[in-house]
Amino acid sequence: MATYYFDITLKCIDFAHSSIKDMAGNPGQETLIERLKKDAKGEVVAAVTTTLEAGTHINPQVETYGEVDWISSHPEAIEIIIKEAEEHVELLKDQAKKLGPWSFLQALDSGNWKIVGYDQGWK
């Protein structure tokens, strides 16, 4: 058995930002939401454990871990929006556990763990 790690942090930040960008109630909140994406910190990883048999990876099992911290100079002004961003990161982490129609070897070769829906235009 071997475990391979794929960084999906930027996908989580992008997905969450796409989900919250229209929630602003005024121009000040719009600015704060744009800053959220730029100032987000953290790391989210998809860990794929698979068995190698006869030169082929079989039965990949996916777990995700990590988090994104949404940093704002005025968190009280967009508290509900930050909560929504956090929930969308968790949603994409869960989605990353699903195996897609592409092969594990494609992910290994490219270093890109594709997420069902997200990497198929779910933006």
Protein backbone atom coordinates (compact mmCIF):
# COMPACT_ATOMS: atom_id res chain seq x y z
CA MET A 1 0.00 0.00 0.00
CA ALA A 2 1.12 3.52 -0.72
CA THR A 3 -0.33 6.94 0.05
CA TYR A 4 -0.07 9.89 -2.31
CA TYR A 5 -0.81 13.48 -1.35
CA PHE A 6 -2.44 16.13 -3.51
CA ASP A 7 -2.72 19.79 -2.50
CA ILE A 8 -6.29 20.97 -3.16
CA THR A 9 -6.04 24.23 -1.18
CA LEU A 10 -6.40 26.59 -4.14
CA LYS A 11 -9.41 24.66 -5.43
CA CYS A 12 -11.09 24.96 -2.03
CA ILE A 13 -10.40 28.70 -1.84
CA ASP A 14 -11.64 29.24 -5.39
CA PHE A 15 -14.80 27.18 -4.86
CA ALA A 16 -15.65 28.90 -1.58
CA HIS A 17 -15.00 32.35 -3.05
CA SER A 18 -17.19 31.57 -6.06
CA SER A 19 -19.95 30.61 -3.64
CA ILE A 20 -19.77 33.78 -1.53
CA LYS A 21 -18.78 36.50 -3.99
CA ASP A 22 -22.37 37.64 -4.60
CA MET A 23 -23.37 37.76 -0.92
CA ALA A 24 -22.14 41.30 -0.31
CA GLY A 25 -24.78 43.75 0.85
CA ASN A 26 -22.76 46.89 0.13
CA PRO A 27 -19.55 48.04 -1.60
CA GLY A 28 -17.53 47.72 1.62
CA GLN A 29 -18.49 44.07 1.94
CA GLU A 30 -17.62 43.50 -1.74
CA THR A 31 -14.11 44.75 -1.04
CA LEU A 32 -13.80 42.60 2.08
CA ILE A 33 -14.93 39.50 0.16
CA GLU A 34 -12.33 40.08 -2.55
CA ARG A 35 -9.67 40.46 0.16
CA LEU A 36 -10.79 37.17 1.72
CA LYS A 37 -9.69 35.25 -1.35
CA LYS A 38 -6.32 37.00 -1.48
CA ASP A 39 -5.65 36.69 2.26
CA ALA A 40 -6.88 33.11 2.77
CA LYS A 41 -4.29 30.89 4.45
CA GLY A 42 -4.10 27.20 5.15
CA GLU A 43 -3.63 23.87 3.50
CA VAL A 44 -6.09 21.23 2.33
CA VAL A 45 -4.78 17.88 1.15
CA ALA A 46 -6.37 14.84 -0.49
CA ALA A 47 -4.54 11.72 0.72
CA VAL A 48 -5.07 8.80 -1.66
CA THR A 49 -4.12 5.35 -0.40
CA THR A 50 -3.94 2.61 -3.00
CA THR A 51 -2.60 -0.89 -3.46
CA LEU A 52 -0.27 -1.69 -6.34
CA GLU A 53 -0.98 -5.07 -7.91
CA ALA A 54 0.48 -6.28 -11.21
CA GLY A 55 1.67 -2.75 -12.02
CA THR A 56 -1.81 -1.25 -11.54
CA HIS A 57 -3.11 0.90 -8.71
CA ILE A 58 -6.33 -0.58 -7.36
CA ASN A 59 -8.94 0.36 -4.81
CA PRO A 60 -7.92 3.97 -4.13
CA GLN A 61 -9.27 5.31 -0.83
CA VAL A 62 -9.41 9.08 -0.41
CA GLU A 63 -9.33 11.11 2.78
CA THR A 64 -9.01 14.87 3.08
CA TYR A 65 -7.60 16.96 5.85
CA GLY A 66 -6.63 20.52 6.58
CA GLU A 67 -8.47 23.79 6.56
CA VAL A 68 -8.56 27.28 5.16
CA ASP A 69 -8.45 30.27 7.48
CA TRP A 70 -10.45 33.21 6.17
CA ILE A 71 -8.69 36.34 7.38
CA SER A 72 -10.50 39.67 7.37
CA SER A 73 -9.62 43.09 8.70
CA HIS A 74 -13.31 43.45 9.63
CA PRO A 75 -14.60 39.93 10.34
CA GLU A 76 -17.64 41.23 12.21
CA ALA A 77 -18.85 42.95 9.01
CA ILE A 78 -18.93 39.68 7.07
CA GLU A 79 -19.24 37.02 9.76
CA ILE A 80 -22.07 35.18 7.96
CA ILE A 81 -20.16 35.26 4.68
CA ILE A 82 -17.02 33.82 6.31
CA LYS A 83 -19.13 31.03 7.84
CA GLU A 84 -20.51 30.27 4.37
CA ALA A 85 -16.97 30.12 2.95
CA GLU A 86 -15.94 27.67 5.67
CA GLU A 87 -18.95 25.46 4.88
CA HIS A 88 -18.08 25.46 1.18
CA VAL A 89 -14.51 24.37 1.89
CA GLU A 90 -15.93 21.41 3.83
CA LEU A 91 -18.29 20.66 0.94
CA LEU A 92 -15.43 20.53 -1.57
CA LYS A 93 -13.31 18.43 0.81
CA ASP A 94 -16.14 15.89 0.91
CA GLN A 95 -16.51 16.05 -2.85
CA ALA A 96 -12.77 15.41 -3.28
CA LYS A 97 -13.26 11.98 -1.67
CA LYS A 98 -15.33 10.78 -4.64
CA LEU A 99 -13.53 9.02 -7.45
CA GLY A 100 -14.13 10.49 -10.88
CA PRO A 101 -14.11 9.06 -14.37
CA TRP A 102 -10.38 9.71 -14.79
CA SER A 103 -7.69 7.26 -13.82
CA PHE A 104 -5.58 7.46 -10.71
CA LEU A 105 -2.46 7.32 -12.91
CA GLN A 106 -3.56 10.56 -14.61
CA ALA A 107 -3.69 12.24 -11.20
CA LEU A 108 -0.32 10.80 -10.28
CA ASP A 109 1.31 11.90 -13.54
CA SER A 110 -0.11 15.44 -13.40
CA GLY A 111 0.02 15.95 -9.63
CA ASN A 112 -3.56 17.21 -9.93
CA TRP A 113 -6.27 15.52 -7.89
CA LYS A 114 -9.39 16.20 -9.92
CA ILE A 115 -12.56 16.82 -7.97
CA VAL A 116 -15.84 15.53 -9.37
CA GLY A 117 -17.93 18.52 -10.37
CA TYR A 118 -15.31 21.17 -9.71
CA ASP A 119 -12.91 20.06 -12.43
CA GLN A 120 -15.85 19.44 -14.75
CA GLY A 121 -16.99 23.05 -14.75
CA TRP A 122 -18.85 23.21 -11.43
CA LYS A 123 -18.07 26.87 -10.84
